[in-house]
């Protein structure tokens, strides 16, 4: 299973918090998301969880070769 995050963008007014974030997260792996306060870490997780609306890009879950969008 993989969580695929592609080309995510998010801004609040003129403040561009996330620009082109892409990553593939594989099941069983451990990942770190370092960054200073206000860098967009929580916003990225909010996009993945569907708590904030995506402006651009795709977030999907791939299971056994079948990819489906997260909503």
PDB file of N, CA and C in Angstrom:
ATOM      1  N   UNK A   1       0.858  -1.168   0.000  1.00  0.00           N
ATOM      2  CA  UNK A   1       0.000   0.000   0.000  1.00  0.00           C
ATOM      3  C   UNK A   1       0.905   1.233   0.000  1.00  0.00           C
ATOM      4  N   UNK A   2       0.500   2.236  -0.760  1.00  0.00           N
ATOM      5  CA  UNK A   2       1.234   3.502  -0.818  1.00  0.00           C
ATOM      6  C   UNK A   2       0.265   4.678  -0.776  1.00  0.00           C
ATOM      7  N   UNK A   3       0.683   5.716  -0.096  1.00  0.00           N
ATOM      8  CA  UNK A   3      -0.017   6.996  -0.121  1.00  0.00           C
ATOM      9  C   UNK A   3       0.780   7.886  -1.055  1.00  0.00           C
ATOM     10  N   UNK A   4       0.162   8.355  -2.112  1.00  0.00           N
ATOM     11  CA  UNK A   4       0.846   9.146  -3.128  1.00  0.00           C
ATOM     12  C   UNK A   4       0.343  10.581  -3.070  1.00  0.00           C
ATOM     13  N   UNK A   5       1.256  11.500  -2.813  1.00  0.00           N
ATOM     14  CA  UNK A   5       0.960  12.928  -2.760  1.00  0.00           C
ATOM     15  C   UNK A   5       1.712  13.559  -3.934  1.00  0.00           C
ATOM     16  N   UNK A   6       0.985  14.206  -4.833  1.00  0.00           N
ATOM     17  CA  UNK A   6       1.601  14.784  -6.023  1.00  0.00           C
ATOM     18  C   UNK A   6       1.244  16.247  -6.197  1.00  0.00           C
ATOM     19  N   UNK A   7       2.255  17.067  -6.340  1.00  0.00           N
ATOM     20  CA  UNK A   7       2.132  18.462  -6.758  1.00  0.00           C
ATOM     21  C   UNK A   7       1.099  19.252  -5.963  1.00  0.00           C
ATOM     22  N   UNK A   8       1.187  19.156  -4.641  1.00  0.00           N
ATOM     23  CA  UNK A   8       0.244  19.875  -3.782  1.00  0.00           C
ATOM     24  C   UNK A   8       0.648  21.339  -3.640  1.00  0.00           C
ATOM     25  N   UNK A   9      -0.330  22.198  -3.743  1.00  0.00           N
ATOM     26  CA  UNK A   9      -0.153  23.640  -3.557  1.00  0.00           C
ATOM     27  C   UNK A   9      -1.242  24.126  -2.610  1.00  0.00           C
ATOM     28  N   UNK A  10      -0.877  25.007  -1.703  1.00  0.00           N
ATOM     29  CA  UNK A  10      -1.864  25.606  -0.802  1.00  0.00           C
ATOM     30  C   UNK A  10      -1.377  26.984  -0.407  1.00  0.00           C
ATOM     31  N   UNK A  11      -2.270  27.941  -0.462  1.00  0.00           N
ATOM     32  CA  UNK A  11      -1.940  29.300  -0.031  1.00  0.00           C
ATOM     33  C   UNK A  11      -3.106  29.858   0.769  1.00  0.00           C
ATOM     34  N   UNK A  12      -2.762  30.812   1.601  1.00  0.00           N
ATOM     35  CA  UNK A  12      -3.754  31.553   2.378  1.00  0.00           C
ATOM     36  C   UNK A  12      -3.538  33.010   2.021  1.00  0.00           C
ATOM     37  N   UNK A  13      -4.373  33.518   1.120  1.00  0.00           N
ATOM     38  CA  UNK A  13      -4.161  34.868   0.600  1.00  0.00           C
ATOM     39  C   UNK A  13      -2.870  34.902  -0.206  1.00  0.00           C
ATOM     40  N   UNK A  14      -1.998  35.838   0.102  1.00  0.00           N
ATOM     41  CA  UNK A  14      -0.714  35.951  -0.592  1.00  0.00           C
ATOM     42  C   UNK A  14       0.366  35.063   0.004  1.00  0.00           C
ATOM     43  N   UNK A  15       0.063  34.352   1.078  1.00  0.00           N
ATOM     44  CA  UNK A  15       1.035  33.498   1.744  1.00  0.00           C
ATOM     45  C   UNK A  15       0.978  32.083   1.153  1.00  0.00           C
ATOM     46  N   UNK A  16       1.959  31.734   0.328  1.00  0.00           N
ATOM     47  CA  UNK A  16       2.037  30.410  -0.290  1.00  0.00           C
ATOM     48  C   UNK A  16       2.736  29.466   0.685  1.00  0.00           C
ATOM     49  N   UNK A  17       1.947  28.576   1.290  1.00  0.00           N
ATOM     50  CA  UNK A  17       2.454  27.698   2.338  1.00  0.00           C
ATOM     51  C   UNK A  17       3.080  26.436   1.756  1.00  0.00           C
ATOM     52  N   UNK A  18       2.438  25.842   0.760  1.00  0.00           N
ATOM     53  CA  UNK A  18       2.939  24.625   0.121  1.00  0.00           C
ATOM     54  C   UNK A  18       3.017  24.862  -1.375  1.00  0.00           C
ATOM     55  N   UNK A  19       4.175  24.555  -1.951  1.00  0.00           N
ATOM     56  CA  UNK A  19       4.388  24.748  -3.392  1.00  0.00           C
ATOM     57  C   UNK A  19       4.959  23.473  -4.007  1.00  0.00           C
ATOM     58  N   UNK A  20       4.131  22.725  -4.673  1.00  0.00           N
ATOM     59  CA  UNK A  20       4.588  21.564  -5.431  1.00  0.00           C
ATOM     60  C   UNK A  20       5.062  20.388  -4.598  1.00  0.00           C
ATOM     61  N   UNK A  21       4.478  20.166  -3.435  1.00  0.00           N
ATOM     62  CA  UNK A  21       4.903  19.058  -2.578  1.00  0.00           C
ATOM     63  C   UNK A  21       4.487  17.728  -3.199  1.00  0.00           C
ATOM     64  N   UNK A  22       5.454  16.816  -3.301  1.00  0.00           N
ATOM     65  CA  UNK A  22       5.203  15.477  -3.831  1.00  0.00           C
ATOM     66  C   UNK A  22       6.000  14.466  -3.027  1.00  0.00           C
ATOM     67  N   UNK A  23       5.374  13.317  -2.749  1.00  0.00           N
ATOM     68  CA  UNK A  23       6.063  12.255  -2.016  1.00  0.00           C
ATOM     69  C   UNK A  23       5.236  10.986  -2.118  1.00  0.00           C
ATOM     70  N   UNK A  24       5.903   9.854  -2.133  1.00  0.00           N
ATOM     71  CA  UNK A  24       5.234   8.559  -2.060  1.00  0.00           C
ATOM     72  C   UNK A  24       5.590   7.960  -0.705  1.00  0.00           C
ATOM     73  N   UNK A  25       4.571   7.642   0.083  1.00  0.00           N
ATOM     74  CA  UNK A  25       4.752   7.054   1.409  1.00  0.00           C
ATOM     75  C   UNK A  25       4.369   5.585   1.327  1.00  0.00           C
ATOM     76  N   UNK A  26       5.319   4.704   1.597  1.00  0.00           N
ATOM     77  CA  UNK A  26       5.091   3.262   1.521  1.00  0.00           C
ATOM     78  C   UNK A  26       4.747   2.694   2.882  1.00  0.00           C
ATOM     79  N   UNK A  27       3.855   1.713   2.897  1.00  0.00           N
ATOM     80  CA  UNK A  27       3.448   1.066   4.134  1.00  0.00           C
ATOM     81  C   UNK A  27       4.659   0.418   4.800  1.00  0.00           C
ATOM     82  N   UNK A  28       4.739   0.557   6.120  1.00  0.00           N
ATOM     83  CA  UNK A  28       5.805  -0.060   6.884  1.00  0.00           C
ATOM     84  C   UNK A  28       7.055   0.785   7.020  1.00  0.00           C
ATOM     85  N   UNK A  29       7.128   1.904   6.333  1.00  0.00           N
ATOM     86  CA  UNK A  29       8.276   2.811   6.412  1.00  0.00           C
ATOM     87  C   UNK A  29       7.971   3.912   7.426  1.00  0.00           C
ATOM     88  N   UNK A  30       9.019   4.492   7.979  1.00  0.00           N
ATOM     89  CA  UNK A  30       8.887   5.606   8.910  1.00  0.00           C
ATOM     90  C   UNK A  30       9.423   6.861   8.233  1.00  0.00           C
ATOM     91  N   UNK A  31       8.660   7.943   8.277  1.00  0.00           N
ATOM     92  CA  UNK A  31       9.027   9.191   7.621  1.00  0.00           C
ATOM     93  C   UNK A  31       9.058  10.328   8.634  1.00  0.00           C
ATOM     94  N   UNK A  32       9.903  11.304   8.383  1.00  0.00           N
ATOM     95  CA  UNK A  32       9.957  12.522   9.196  1.00  0.00           C
ATOM     96  C   UNK A  32       9.638  13.704   8.289  1.00  0.00           C
ATOM     97  N   UNK A  33       8.989  14.685   8.845  1.00  0.00           N
ATOM     98  CA  UNK A  33       8.659  15.901   8.107  1.00  0.00           C
ATOM     99  C   UNK A  33       9.184  17.097   8.898  1.00  0.00           C
ATOM    100  N   UNK A  34      10.483  17.368   8.768  1.00  0.00           N
ATOM    101  CA  UNK A  34      11.061  18.478   9.519  1.00  0.00           C
ATOM    102  C   UNK A  34      10.724  19.821   8.880  1.00  0.00           C
ATOM    103  N   UNK A  35      10.743  20.846   9.679  1.00  0.00           N
ATOM    104  CA  UNK A  35      10.509  22.194   9.169  1.00  0.00           C
ATOM    105  C   UNK A  35      10.245  23.149  10.314  1.00  0.00           C
ATOM    106  N   UNK A  36      10.506  24.394  10.062  1.00  0.00           N
ATOM    107  CA  UNK A  36      10.295  25.421  11.079  1.00  0.00           C
ATOM    108  C   UNK A  36       8.800  25.661  11.276  1.00  0.00           C
ATOM    109  N   UNK A  37       8.468  26.374  12.327  1.00  0.00           N
ATOM    110  CA  UNK A  37       7.070  26.748  12.571  1.00  0.00           C
ATOM    111  C   UNK A  37       6.544  27.533  11.376  1.00  0.00           C
ATOM    112  N   UNK A  38       5.343  27.191  10.954  1.00  0.00           N
ATOM    113  CA  UNK A  38       4.727  27.905   9.836  1.00  0.00           C
ATOM    114  C   UNK A  38       5.166  27.430   8.471  1.00  0.00           C
ATOM    115  N   UNK A  39       5.910  26.320   8.407  1.00  0.00           N
ATOM    116  CA  UNK A  39       6.423  25.828   7.127  1.00  0.00           C
ATOM    117  C   UNK A  39       5.376  25.075   6.306  1.00  0.00           C
ATOM    118  N   UNK A  40       4.252  24.678   6.924  1.00  0.00           N
ATOM    119  CA  UNK A  40       3.190  23.996   6.195  1.00  0.00           C
ATOM    120  C   UNK A  40       3.042  22.524   6.518  1.00  0.00           C
ATOM    121  N   UNK A  41       3.708  22.045   7.555  1.00  0.00           N
ATOM    122  CA  UNK A  41       3.629  20.627   7.916  1.00  0.00           C
ATOM    123  C   UNK A  41       2.198  20.210   8.266  1.00  0.00           C
ATOM    124  N   UNK A  42       1.574  20.924   9.160  1.00  0.00           N
ATOM    125  CA  UNK A  42       0.205  20.601   9.562  1.00  0.00           C
ATOM    126  C   UNK A  42      -0.761  20.798   8.397  1.00  0.00           C
ATOM    127  N   UNK A  43      -0.535  21.817   7.595  1.00  0.00           N
ATOM    128  CA  UNK A  43      -1.387  22.049   6.428  1.00  0.00           C
ATOM    129  C   UNK A  43      -1.320  20.872   5.468  1.00  0.00           C
ATOM    130  N   UNK A  44      -0.123  20.316   5.257  1.00  0.00           N
ATOM    131  CA  UNK A  44       0.004  19.142   4.393  1.00  0.00           C
ATOM    132  C   UNK A  44      -0.805  17.975   4.941  1.00  0.00           C
ATOM    133  N   UNK A  45      -0.709  17.726   6.242  1.00  0.00           N
ATOM    134  CA  UNK A  45      -1.500  16.645   6.835  1.00  0.00           C
ATOM    135  C   UNK A  45      -2.993  16.940   6.757  1.00  0.00           C
ATOM    136  N   UNK A  46      -3.381  18.191   6.893  1.00  0.00           N
ATOM    137  CA  UNK A  46      -4.799  18.559   6.741  1.00  0.00           C
ATOM    138  C   UNK A  46      -5.286  18.308   5.317  1.00  0.00           C
ATOM    139  N   UNK A  47      -4.447  18.540   4.319  1.00  0.00           N
ATOM    140  CA  UNK A  47      -4.809  18.241   2.931  1.00  0.00           C
ATOM    141  C   UNK A  47      -4.991  16.739   2.744  1.00  0.00           C
ATOM    142  N   UNK A  48      -4.065  15.954   3.286  1.00  0.00           N
ATOM    143  CA  UNK A  48      -4.145  14.499   3.161  1.00  0.00           C
ATOM    144  C   UNK A  48      -5.409  13.975   3.846  1.00  0.00           C
ATOM    145  N   UNK A  49      -5.731  14.519   5.012  1.00  0.00           N
ATOM    146  CA  UNK A  49      -6.901  14.067   5.771  1.00  0.00           C
ATOM    147  C   UNK A  49      -8.217  14.623   5.222  1.00  0.00           C
ATOM    148  N   UNK A  50      -8.145  15.574   4.301  1.00  0.00           N
ATOM    149  CA  UNK A  50      -9.356  16.152   3.735  1.00  0.00           C
ATOM    150  C   UNK A  50      -9.962  17.266   4.565  1.00  0.00           C
ATOM    151  N   UNK A  51      -9.231  17.762   5.549  1.00  0.00           N
ATOM    152  CA  UNK A  51      -9.742  18.863   6.382  1.00  0.00           C
ATOM    153  C   UNK A  51      -9.568  20.221   5.726  1.00  0.00           C
ATOM    154  N   UNK A  52      -8.682  20.302   4.744  1.00  0.00           N
ATOM    155  CA  UNK A  52      -8.503  21.518   3.951  1.00  0.00           C
ATOM    156  C   UNK A  52      -8.649  21.142   2.484  1.00  0.00           C
ATOM    157  N   UNK A  53      -9.149  22.065   1.699  1.00  0.00           N
ATOM    158  CA  UNK A  53      -9.390  21.821   0.279  1.00  0.00           C
ATOM    159  C   UNK A  53      -8.092  21.974  -0.518  1.00  0.00           C
ATOM    160  N   UNK A  54      -7.839  21.025  -1.403  1.00  0.00           N
ATOM    161  CA  UNK A  54      -6.678  21.091  -2.283  1.00  0.00           C
ATOM    162  C   UNK A  54      -6.877  22.170  -3.336  1.00  0.00           C
ATOM    163  N   UNK A  55      -5.809  22.883  -3.654  1.00  0.00           N
ATOM    164  CA  UNK A  55      -5.867  23.874  -4.724  1.00  0.00           C
ATOM    165  C   UNK A  55      -5.376  23.274  -6.038  1.00  0.00           C
ATOM    166  N   UNK A  56      -4.449  22.336  -5.920  1.00  0.00           N
ATOM    167  CA  UNK A  56      -3.852  21.733  -7.107  1.00  0.00           C
ATOM    168  C   UNK A  56      -3.241  20.408  -6.690  1.00  0.00           C
ATOM    169  N   UNK A  57      -3.107  19.494  -7.615  1.00  0.00           N
ATOM    170  CA  UNK A  57      -2.436  18.240  -7.339  1.00  0.00           C
ATOM    171  C   UNK A  57      -3.396  17.107  -7.041  1.00  0.00           C
ATOM    172  N   UNK A  58      -2.798  15.997  -6.591  1.00  0.00           N
ATOM    173  CA  UNK A  58      -3.549  14.769  -6.409  1.00  0.00           C
ATOM    174  C   UNK A  58      -3.053  14.055  -5.154  1.00  0.00           C
ATOM    175  N   UNK A  59      -3.967  13.480  -4.408  1.00  0.00           N
ATOM    176  CA  UNK A  59      -3.630  12.635  -3.268  1.00  0.00           C
ATOM    177  C   UNK A  59      -4.432  11.360  -3.441  1.00  0.00           C
ATOM    178  N   UNK A  60      -3.716  10.225  -3.485  1.00  0.00           N
ATOM    179  CA  UNK A  60      -4.421   8.970  -3.702  1.00  0.00           C
ATOM    180  C   UNK A  60      -3.754   7.835  -2.927  1.00  0.00           C
ATOM    181  N   UNK A  61      -4.501   6.782  -2.750  1.00  0.00           N
ATOM    182  CA  UNK A  61      -4.045   5.596  -2.056  1.00  0.00           C
ATOM    183  C   UNK A  61      -3.954   4.482  -3.084  1.00  0.00           C
ATOM    184  N   UNK A  62      -2.816   3.809  -3.127  1.00  0.00           N
ATOM    185  CA  UNK A  62      -2.631   2.709  -4.068  1.00  0.00           C
ATOM    186  C   UNK A  62      -2.547   1.411  -3.283  1.00  0.00           C
ATOM    187  N   UNK A  63      -3.469   0.496  -3.588  1.00  0.00           N
ATOM    188  CA  UNK A  63      -3.521  -0.808  -2.921  1.00  0.00           C
ATOM    189  C   UNK A  63      -3.520  -1.885  -4.005  1.00  0.00           C
ATOM    190  N   UNK A  64      -2.537  -2.786  -3.931  1.00  0.00           N
ATOM    191  CA  UNK A  64      -2.425  -3.899  -4.885  1.00  0.00           C
ATOM    192  C   UNK A  64      -2.493  -3.414  -6.328  1.00  0.00           C
ATOM    193  N   UNK A  65      -1.817  -2.328  -6.638  1.00  0.00           N
ATOM    194  CA  UNK A  65      -1.762  -1.822  -8.004  1.00  0.00           C
ATOM    195  C   UNK A  65      -2.966  -1.008  -8.427  1.00  0.00           C
ATOM    196  N   UNK A  66      -3.967  -0.902  -7.580  1.00  0.00           N
ATOM    197  CA  UNK A  66      -5.160  -0.126  -7.884  1.00  0.00           C
ATOM    198  C   UNK A  66      -5.083   1.193  -7.121  1.00  0.00           C
ATOM    199  N   UNK A  67      -5.174   2.282  -7.866  1.00  0.00           N
ATOM    200  CA  UNK A  67      -5.063   3.612  -7.277  1.00  0.00           C
ATOM    201  C   UNK A  67      -6.437   4.246  -7.173  1.00  0.00           C
ATOM    202  N   UNK A  68      -6.718   4.824  -5.989  1.00  0.00           N
ATOM    203  CA  UNK A  68      -8.004   5.514  -5.819  1.00  0.00           C
ATOM    204  C   UNK A  68      -7.779   6.823  -5.067  1.00  0.00           C
ATOM    205  N   UNK A  69      -8.465   7.871  -5.480  1.00  0.00           N
ATOM    206  CA  UNK A  69      -8.283   9.168  -4.818  1.00  0.00           C
ATOM    207  C   UNK A  69      -8.804   9.146  -3.385  1.00  0.00           C
ATOM    208  N   UNK A  70      -8.144   9.891  -2.534  1.00  0.00           N
ATOM    209  CA  UNK A  70      -8.639  10.095  -1.171  1.00  0.00           C
ATOM    210  C   UNK A  70      -9.620  11.247  -1.180  1.00  0.00           C
ATOM    211  N   UNK A  71     -10.681  11.137  -0.442  1.00  0.00           N
ATOM    212  CA  UNK A  71     -11.660  12.217  -0.378  1.00  0.00           C
ATOM    213  C   UNK A  71     -11.944  12.565   1.040  1.00  0.00           C
TER     214      UNK A  71
END
